[in-house]
């Protein structure tokens, strides 16, 4: 699961990509730019790159055209395309599996094709899975955070394709946080895991197509292998666009990322949530939008956070009872995060400020010292942040550590970018 969360609520994801109530929030005005996704551009080109190829498709319910047609069904129904196999990441090809649950190979009911699991006993396509495949097509919507496992699936698929002499085509999609935002130090590869596969910042500001180009050229795949890579770029997207600027409907990428603003909240609280000390809202109708705990005074917490005047952010006090998960049925006090200006807000520092304030308000609070510390380090991509908190370093010093290396990465990624600033 992207940041492992137990007790997942499957309902919204099992809707298999149907429009949600937040869809209207992502619909641009008639004068706003309209983005064509990579799959839309592929259709526009008459599927030319796939002619005379046996196609394997890596996808899930987020693989849809801009009018919400499943990429599986579009490719399967195209006479020019010979779709022979499906490959599913975490949650499965049709979104039928709970977060963190391993998936077994199965037969897709709609097409009759074998749907191979890339989130079970193996996370990397095996030669047996790839037998009879000439090209792997990747079409999955990412949310822009390094810890979200879909880009790890992409990296492993590219490795396997290179090792088995199979081409890769990435159908590009927007980064919902935009292409300009970079936050969090690049991963220290000593902490490499499925929630941190690549030496990139936590928020990298790249599309999956751009990431594929970078990991291929930079030698980040195992043993430095390189695959035969083609990226089908979008049309109409630029780097300053958030998802709400694209004119595209939002399809839930996983059960706790149900609406167009959820990727930003995931970035704002998901790392802290790995510690299981406070709730990040999972188990409530507001996943990743809350920071709450059993002993938190909501007004004092909100006041202390708001005094920090974090740009583009406001904290509203509240009480809430989660209806599943770690704090089921317990009354929690805390805050709801309101992003008044998502372009201006710096997302990942929100949780570190909240941890700092909570410790000041409750001297008995201990964020660290459990088995969850290791997962926190993996998601941070370093142990320096945990050690800095344990040493009671000032929050300014912690954030300086957190953003070390981001300027260098911004320069390093430039050759791989496909889209203009605006």
Protein backbone atom coordinates (compact mmCIF):
# COMPACT_ATOMS: atom_id res chain seq x y z
CA UNK A 1 0.00 0.00 0.00
CA UNK A 2 1.24 3.53 -0.56
CA UNK A 3 2.33 4.18 3.06
CA UNK A 4 1.08 0.98 4.63
CA UNK A 5 -2.30 1.56 6.29
CA UNK A 6 -4.23 -1.33 7.78
CA UNK A 7 -8.02 -1.55 8.03
CA UNK A 8 -8.47 -0.05 4.56
CA UNK A 9 -11.88 1.13 3.51
CA UNK A 10 -12.30 -0.39 0.06
CA UNK A 11 -15.62 1.18 -0.89
CA UNK A 12 -14.43 4.21 -2.82
CA UNK A 13 -11.77 2.26 -4.71
CA UNK A 14 -14.09 -0.62 -5.49
CA UNK A 15 -16.23 1.83 -7.41
CA UNK A 16 -13.54 1.20 -10.04
CA UNK A 17 -12.92 4.78 -10.98
CA UNK A 18 -16.47 6.13 -11.07
CA UNK A 19 -16.63 9.94 -10.68
CA UNK A 20 -16.71 11.08 -7.06
CA UNK A 21 -18.31 14.10 -5.46
CA UNK A 22 -14.93 15.83 -5.78
CA UNK A 23 -14.99 15.50 -9.55
CA UNK A 24 -16.53 18.94 -9.89
CA UNK A 25 -13.58 20.41 -8.00
CA UNK A 26 -11.29 19.13 -10.75
CA UNK A 27 -13.39 20.42 -13.64
CA UNK A 28 -11.95 23.51 -15.25
CA UNK A 29 -14.02 26.36 -16.65
CA UNK A 30 -14.64 26.36 -20.42
CA UNK A 31 -11.77 28.83 -20.90
CA UNK A 32 -9.29 26.78 -18.86
CA UNK A 33 -6.70 24.52 -20.52
CA UNK A 34 -7.84 20.98 -21.28
CA UNK A 35 -5.18 18.34 -20.84
CA UNK A 36 -4.94 15.31 -23.09
CA UNK A 37 -3.51 12.35 -21.23
CA UNK A 38 -0.94 10.00 -22.71
CA UNK A 39 -3.67 7.43 -23.38
CA UNK A 40 -5.71 10.09 -25.20
CA UNK A 41 -2.72 10.98 -27.37
CA UNK A 42 -2.14 7.27 -28.10
CA UNK A 43 -5.76 6.91 -29.25
CA UNK A 44 -5.39 10.08 -31.33
CA UNK A 45 -2.38 8.50 -33.07
CA UNK A 46 -4.36 5.40 -33.93
CA UNK A 47 -2.31 3.28 -31.48
CA UNK A 48 0.59 3.41 -33.96
CA UNK A 49 3.36 2.52 -31.43
CA UNK A 50 1.51 -0.73 -30.63
CA UNK A 51 0.91 -2.04 -34.13
CA UNK A 52 2.18 -5.60 -34.69
CA UNK A 53 3.13 -5.85 -30.99
CA UNK A 54 1.93 -8.22 -28.28
CA UNK A 55 1.04 -5.84 -25.49
CA UNK A 56 1.19 -6.28 -21.73
CA UNK A 57 -0.56 -3.51 -19.77
CA UNK A 58 0.38 -2.39 -16.25
CA UNK A 59 -2.59 -0.49 -14.90
CA UNK A 60 -5.34 -0.12 -12.30
CA UNK A 61 -8.65 1.79 -12.07
CA UNK A 62 -6.82 5.13 -12.51
CA UNK A 63 -5.83 4.09 -16.05
CA UNK A 64 -8.61 5.90 -17.87
CA UNK A 65 -9.03 8.33 -20.74
CA UNK A 66 -10.12 11.88 -20.02
CA UNK A 67 -13.73 10.76 -20.57
CA UNK A 68 -13.28 7.92 -18.03
CA UNK A 69 -12.98 4.96 -20.40
CA UNK A 70 -10.77 2.23 -18.93
CA UNK A 71 -7.41 1.89 -20.67
CA UNK A 72 -7.86 -1.89 -20.41
CA UNK A 73 -11.12 -1.73 -22.33
CA UNK A 74 -9.81 0.83 -24.84
CA UNK A 75 -6.79 -1.28 -25.77
CA UNK A 76 -8.68 -4.58 -25.67
CA UNK A 77 -11.37 -3.19 -27.95
CA UNK A 78 -9.01 -1.62 -30.49
CA UNK A 79 -8.57 -3.81 -33.60
CA UNK A 80 -5.04 -2.40 -34.07
CA UNK A 81 -3.92 -3.64 -30.62
CA UNK A 82 -3.14 -7.19 -29.53
CA UNK A 83 -3.50 -6.98 -25.75
CA UNK A 84 -2.28 -10.28 -24.31
CA UNK A 85 -1.72 -9.75 -20.55
CA UNK A 86 -2.50 -7.45 -17.64
CA UNK A 87 -0.28 -6.57 -14.67
CA UNK A 88 -1.65 -5.08 -11.45
CA UNK A 89 0.17 -3.06 -8.75
CA UNK A 90 -0.98 -2.72 -5.14
CA UNK A 91 -4.82 -2.86 -4.98
CA UNK A 92 -5.01 -4.90 -8.21
CA UNK A 93 -5.91 -4.28 -11.84
CA UNK A 94 -9.55 -3.49 -11.05
CA UNK A 95 -8.97 -2.07 -7.54
CA UNK A 96 -10.49 -5.07 -5.80
CA UNK A 97 -7.81 -5.65 -3.13
CA UNK A 98 -7.36 -3.94 0.25
CA UNK A 99 -4.33 -1.77 0.97
CA UNK A 100 -1.26 -3.81 1.86
CA UNK A 101 -2.91 -7.14 0.99
CA UNK A 102 -0.94 -9.40 -1.31
CA UNK A 103 -2.56 -10.21 -4.63
CA UNK A 104 -2.54 -13.47 -6.54
CA UNK A 105 -2.58 -13.95 -10.28
CA UNK A 106 -6.13 -14.19 -11.62
CA UNK A 107 -8.20 -14.04 -14.77
CA UNK A 108 -9.76 -10.67 -15.58
CA UNK A 109 -13.51 -11.16 -15.79
CA UNK A 110 -14.13 -8.54 -18.49
CA UNK A 111 -11.41 -9.53 -20.95
CA UNK A 112 -10.53 -13.09 -20.00
CA UNK A 113 -6.84 -12.12 -19.91
CA UNK A 114 -4.48 -13.23 -17.17
CA UNK A 115 -3.97 -10.44 -14.66
CA UNK A 116 -0.54 -10.94 -13.10
CA UNK A 117 0.09 -9.61 -9.62
CA UNK A 118 2.95 -7.21 -9.00
CA UNK A 119 2.07 -6.93 -5.32
CA UNK A 120 2.26 -10.48 -4.07
CA UNK A 121 5.02 -13.06 -3.99
CA UNK A 122 6.76 -11.00 -6.65
CA UNK A 123 6.78 -7.26 -7.30
CA UNK A 124 8.86 -7.51 -10.45
CA UNK A 125 7.55 -9.17 -13.63
CA UNK A 126 9.18 -12.56 -14.08
CA UNK A 127 10.35 -13.99 -17.42
CA UNK A 128 7.41 -16.41 -17.23
CA UNK A 129 4.95 -13.52 -16.89
CA UNK A 130 6.54 -11.75 -19.84
CA UNK A 131 6.56 -14.74 -22.17
CA UNK A 132 4.69 -13.74 -25.30
CA UNK A 133 4.90 -9.98 -24.54
CA UNK A 134 6.74 -7.60 -26.89
CA UNK A 135 6.00 -4.31 -25.14
CA UNK A 136 4.90 -3.29 -21.64
CA UNK A 137 2.56 -0.29 -21.48
CA UNK A 138 2.33 1.56 -18.14
CA UNK A 139 -0.75 3.67 -17.42
CA UNK A 140 -1.27 4.46 -13.72
CA UNK A 141 -2.00 7.79 -12.03
CA UNK A 142 0.61 8.75 -9.42
CA UNK A 143 0.20 11.34 -6.63
CA UNK A 144 3.67 12.90 -6.61
CA UNK A 145 5.02 11.48 -3.32
CA UNK A 146 8.04 9.17 -3.31
CA UNK A 147 6.45 6.77 -0.81
CA UNK A 148 3.50 5.97 -3.06
CA UNK A 149 4.30 2.52 -4.40
CA UNK A 150 3.20 2.85 -8.03
CA UNK A 151 6.50 4.43 -9.13
CA UNK A 152 8.34 1.57 -7.43
CA UNK A 153 6.28 -0.81 -9.56
CA UNK A 154 7.30 1.20 -12.64
CA UNK A 155 11.00 0.98 -11.77
CA UNK A 156 10.90 -2.79 -11.24
CA UNK A 157 8.91 -3.30 -14.45
CA UNK A 158 11.49 -1.31 -16.40
CA UNK A 159 14.28 -3.42 -14.90
CA UNK A 160 12.55 -6.63 -15.93
CA UNK A 161 11.83 -5.29 -19.41
CA UNK A 162 15.51 -4.42 -19.88
CA UNK A 163 16.58 -7.86 -18.69
CA UNK A 164 14.11 -9.61 -21.00
CA UNK A 165 14.57 -7.44 -24.11
CA UNK A 166 11.06 -5.99 -23.96
CA UNK A 167 10.17 -2.39 -24.80
CA UNK A 168 8.39 -0.07 -22.35
CA UNK A 169 5.86 2.64 -23.21
CA UNK A 170 4.74 5.03 -20.46
CA UNK A 171 1.45 6.82 -21.07
CA UNK A 172 2.08 10.04 -19.18
CA UNK A 173 -0.22 11.66 -16.64
CA UNK A 174 -0.12 14.85 -14.55
CA UNK A 175 1.64 15.15 -11.25
CA UNK A 176 -1.37 16.34 -9.20
CA UNK A 177 0.92 18.48 -7.00
CA UNK A 178 2.31 20.23 -10.06
CA UNK A 179 5.71 20.08 -11.69
CA UNK A 180 7.40 22.85 -9.71
CA UNK A 181 7.11 21.63 -6.11
CA UNK A 182 10.19 19.85 -4.72
CA UNK A 183 10.31 19.02 -1.00
CA UNK A 184 12.31 16.58 1.10
CA UNK A 185 15.86 15.39 0.68
CA UNK A 186 16.65 12.75 -1.94
CA UNK A 187 16.47 9.19 -0.66
CA UNK A 188 19.59 7.85 1.03
CA UNK A 189 19.83 4.49 -0.74
CA UNK A 190 20.68 2.76 2.56
CA UNK A 191 16.95 3.20 3.26
CA UNK A 192 15.76 1.89 -0.10
CA UNK A 193 12.47 -0.01 0.09
CA UNK A 194 9.22 -0.37 -1.81
CA UNK A 195 8.09 2.94 -0.24
CA UNK A 196 11.35 4.55 -1.38
CA UNK A 197 12.87 2.98 -4.47
CA UNK A 198 14.59 5.94 -6.15
CA UNK A 199 17.11 8.62 -5.04
CA UNK A 200 14.58 11.43 -5.51
CA UNK A 201 13.08 13.98 -3.08
CA UNK A 202 9.91 13.09 -1.23
CA UNK A 203 7.99 15.48 -3.50
CA UNK A 204 9.85 15.38 -6.80
CA UNK A 205 7.69 17.55 -9.07
CA UNK A 206 7.91 15.12 -12.01
CA UNK A 207 5.42 13.12 -14.04
CA UNK A 208 5.79 9.36 -14.25
CA UNK A 209 7.03 9.73 -17.82
CA UNK A 210 9.73 12.15 -16.74
CA UNK A 211 10.69 9.89 -13.84
CA UNK A 212 10.96 6.94 -16.22
CA UNK A 213 13.30 8.94 -18.47
CA UNK A 214 15.43 9.96 -15.51
CA UNK A 215 15.74 6.52 -13.89
CA UNK A 216 16.60 4.97 -17.26
CA UNK A 217 19.28 7.50 -18.18
CA UNK A 218 20.77 7.92 -14.70
CA UNK A 219 21.42 4.19 -14.26
CA UNK A 220 19.06 3.84 -11.30
CA UNK A 221 17.70 0.47 -12.41
CA UNK A 222 19.35 -2.64 -10.96
CA UNK A 223 22.91 -3.16 -12.23
CA UNK A 224 22.51 0.00 -14.33
CA UNK A 225 20.38 -1.73 -16.98
CA UNK A 226 18.46 0.44 -19.45
CA UNK A 227 15.25 -0.46 -21.21
CA UNK A 228 13.96 0.52 -24.65
CA UNK A 229 11.77 3.36 -23.35
CA UNK A 230 9.15 5.50 -25.07
CA UNK A 231 7.09 8.12 -23.26
CA UNK A 232 3.82 9.29 -24.83
CA UNK A 233 3.59 12.85 -23.46
CA UNK A 234 0.42 14.69 -22.56
CA UNK A 235 -0.80 17.68 -24.48
CA UNK A 236 -1.76 20.92 -22.74
CA UNK A 237 -0.10 20.32 -19.36
CA UNK A 238 2.45 22.69 -17.83
CA UNK A 239 4.44 22.58 -14.63
CA UNK A 240 2.43 25.16 -12.65
CA UNK A 241 -0.78 23.13 -13.00
CA UNK A 242 -2.31 21.44 -10.00
CA UNK A 243 -4.87 18.76 -10.74
CA UNK A 244 -7.73 21.23 -10.33
CA UNK A 245 -6.25 23.26 -13.21
CA UNK A 246 -6.30 20.39 -15.71
CA UNK A 247 -10.01 20.03 -16.47
CA UNK A 248 -9.70 16.29 -15.76
CA UNK A 249 -11.94 14.24 -13.46
CA UNK A 250 -10.21 12.66 -10.47
CA UNK A 251 -10.28 8.88 -10.04
CA UNK A 252 -9.32 7.63 -6.55
CA UNK A 253 -5.77 6.28 -6.71
CA UNK A 254 -6.30 4.23 -3.53
CA UNK A 255 -8.98 4.07 -0.83
CA UNK A 256 -7.55 6.94 1.23
CA UNK A 257 -6.84 9.24 -1.71
CA UNK A 258 -10.46 9.72 -2.78
CA UNK A 259 -10.59 13.29 -4.09
CA UNK A 260 -8.64 15.86 -6.03
CA UNK A 261 -7.05 17.51 -2.98
CA UNK A 262 -6.07 14.26 -1.23
CA UNK A 263 -2.55 14.01 -2.73
CA UNK A 264 -1.64 17.28 -1.02
CA UNK A 265 -2.95 16.08 2.35
CA UNK A 266 -1.14 12.76 1.93
CA UNK A 267 2.10 14.73 1.56
CA UNK A 268 1.22 16.87 4.59
CA UNK A 269 0.57 14.11 7.16
CA UNK A 270 1.43 10.67 5.76
CA UNK A 271 4.98 10.53 7.10
CA UNK A 272 3.88 11.42 10.63
CA UNK A 273 1.07 8.88 10.34
CA UNK A 274 3.60 6.07 10.06
CA UNK A 275 4.44 6.51 13.75
CA UNK A 276 0.90 5.57 14.90
CA UNK A 277 1.12 8.05 17.78
CA UNK A 278 -1.52 10.45 16.44
CA UNK A 279 -4.20 9.97 13.81
CA UNK A 280 -3.73 11.49 10.36
CA UNK A 281 -7.45 11.06 9.71
CA UNK A 282 -7.42 7.53 8.29
CA UNK A 283 -10.51 5.88 9.74
CA UNK A 284 -12.55 9.07 9.41
CA UNK A 285 -14.21 10.76 6.42
CA UNK A 286 -11.12 13.03 6.19
CA UNK A 287 -8.12 10.76 5.49
CA UNK A 288 -4.79 12.59 5.78
CA UNK A 289 -6.55 15.93 6.47
CA UNK A 290 -6.37 15.70 10.27
CA UNK A 291 -3.78 15.60 13.03
CA UNK A 292 -5.48 14.32 16.19
CA UNK A 293 -4.71 12.47 19.39
CA UNK A 294 -6.46 11.20 22.53
CA UNK A 295 -4.89 13.84 24.80
CA UNK A 296 -4.78 16.82 22.40
CA UNK A 297 -6.53 20.07 23.33
CA UNK A 298 -7.88 21.14 19.92
CA UNK A 299 -7.96 24.89 20.55
CA UNK A 300 -4.50 25.06 22.09
CA UNK A 301 -3.09 22.90 19.28
CA UNK A 302 -4.74 24.99 16.56
CA UNK A 303 -3.69 28.28 18.15
CA UNK A 304 -0.07 27.20 18.50
CA UNK A 305 0.09 25.98 14.90
CA UNK A 306 -1.59 29.09 13.50
CA UNK A 307 0.86 31.32 15.38
CA UNK A 308 3.58 29.82 13.17
CA UNK A 309 1.91 31.47 10.16
CA UNK A 310 2.67 28.64 7.75
CA UNK A 311 2.10 29.97 4.22
CA UNK A 312 -1.21 29.04 2.63
CA UNK A 313 -2.37 26.91 5.60
CA UNK A 314 -4.93 27.30 8.38
CA UNK A 315 -5.63 24.87 11.23
CA UNK A 316 -9.18 24.47 12.53
CA UNK A 317 -9.77 22.83 15.93
CA UNK A 318 -12.08 19.81 16.06
CA UNK A 319 -13.08 16.65 17.89
CA UNK A 320 -13.69 13.42 15.97
CA UNK A 321 -14.19 9.67 16.54
CA UNK A 322 -12.61 7.36 13.94
CA UNK A 323 -14.96 4.57 12.90
CA UNK A 324 -12.19 2.13 11.96
CA UNK A 325 -8.44 1.82 12.33
CA UNK A 326 -6.09 2.47 15.23
CA UNK A 327 -8.34 4.77 17.26
CA UNK A 328 -11.75 3.19 16.53
CA UNK A 329 -14.45 4.69 18.73
CA UNK A 330 -12.08 6.94 20.68
CA UNK A 331 -12.75 10.66 20.96
CA UNK A 332 -9.75 12.49 19.53
CA UNK A 333 -8.92 16.17 19.69
CA UNK A 334 -6.88 17.93 17.07
CA UNK A 335 -7.01 20.01 13.91
CA UNK A 336 -8.26 19.86 10.37
CA UNK A 337 -5.78 21.24 7.84
CA UNK A 338 -7.21 23.79 5.42
CA UNK A 339 -5.09 24.62 2.39
CA UNK A 340 -6.13 28.18 1.68
CA UNK A 341 -3.53 28.53 -1.07
CA UNK A 342 -2.26 25.14 -2.32
CA UNK A 343 0.25 26.81 -4.65
CA UNK A 344 1.86 28.73 -1.76
CA UNK A 345 1.67 26.02 0.92
CA UNK A 346 4.73 23.94 1.72
CA UNK A 347 3.20 20.55 2.34
CA UNK A 348 5.65 18.15 3.97
CA UNK A 349 6.77 20.56 6.74
CA UNK A 350 3.19 20.69 8.06
CA UNK A 351 3.55 17.36 9.87
CA UNK A 352 6.96 18.24 11.29
CA UNK A 353 5.61 21.51 12.69
CA UNK A 354 2.69 19.58 14.16
CA UNK A 355 5.03 17.06 15.80
CA UNK A 356 7.10 19.89 17.23
CA UNK A 357 4.07 21.77 18.58
CA UNK A 358 2.51 18.60 20.03
CA UNK A 359 5.74 17.85 21.91
CA UNK A 360 5.84 21.37 23.33
CA UNK A 361 2.23 21.15 24.50
CA UNK A 362 2.68 17.67 25.99
CA UNK A 363 6.18 17.12 27.43
CA UNK A 364 5.29 13.46 28.12
CA UNK A 365 4.65 12.74 24.42
CA UNK A 366 7.20 10.39 22.88
CA UNK A 367 7.03 10.20 19.10
CA UNK A 368 9.77 7.59 18.83
CA UNK A 369 10.88 4.41 20.55
CA UNK A 370 8.69 1.78 18.89
CA UNK A 371 9.03 -0.62 15.97
CA UNK A 372 7.39 2.08 13.83
CA UNK A 373 10.62 4.13 13.89
CA UNK A 374 12.08 2.04 11.07
CA UNK A 375 9.09 2.68 8.81
CA UNK A 376 9.31 6.40 9.55
CA UNK A 377 12.97 6.35 8.48
CA UNK A 378 12.15 4.44 5.29
CA UNK A 379 9.49 6.93 4.30
CA UNK A 380 11.70 9.90 5.17
CA UNK A 381 14.49 8.20 3.23
CA UNK A 382 16.94 8.90 6.06
CA UNK A 383 17.24 8.53 9.83
CA UNK A 384 18.43 12.13 10.23
CA UNK A 385 14.94 13.53 10.76
CA UNK A 386 14.14 11.08 13.54
CA UNK A 387 17.51 11.67 15.18
CA UNK A 388 17.04 15.43 14.96
CA UNK A 389 13.68 15.19 16.74
CA UNK A 390 15.17 12.89 19.37
CA UNK A 391 17.93 15.45 19.95
CA UNK A 392 15.31 18.23 20.34
CA UNK A 393 16.80 20.25 17.51
CA UNK A 394 14.91 23.46 16.61
CA UNK A 395 12.29 22.97 13.92
CA UNK A 396 14.21 25.32 11.62
CA UNK A 397 17.23 23.00 11.79
CA UNK A 398 15.06 19.93 11.20
CA UNK A 399 13.53 21.50 8.09
CA UNK A 400 16.97 22.49 6.86
CA UNK A 401 18.01 18.85 7.13
CA UNK A 402 14.77 17.77 5.46
CA UNK A 403 15.36 19.92 2.38
CA UNK A 404 19.08 19.28 2.02
CA UNK A 405 19.81 18.36 -1.60
CA UNK A 406 16.60 19.62 -3.18
CA UNK A 407 18.30 22.47 -5.09
CA UNK A 408 20.84 20.05 -6.58
CA UNK A 409 18.06 17.68 -7.61
CA UNK A 410 16.16 20.50 -9.32
CA UNK A 411 19.17 21.02 -11.58
CA UNK A 412 19.82 17.32 -12.09
CA UNK A 413 16.30 16.60 -13.33
CA UNK A 414 16.27 19.32 -16.02
CA UNK A 415 17.38 17.13 -18.98
CA UNK A 416 14.45 14.79 -18.40
CA UNK A 417 11.59 17.29 -18.21
CA UNK A 418 8.99 17.21 -20.98
CA UNK A 419 6.73 20.16 -20.18
CA UNK A 420 7.08 23.95 -20.00
CA UNK A 421 6.78 26.02 -16.84
CA UNK A 422 3.55 27.52 -18.16
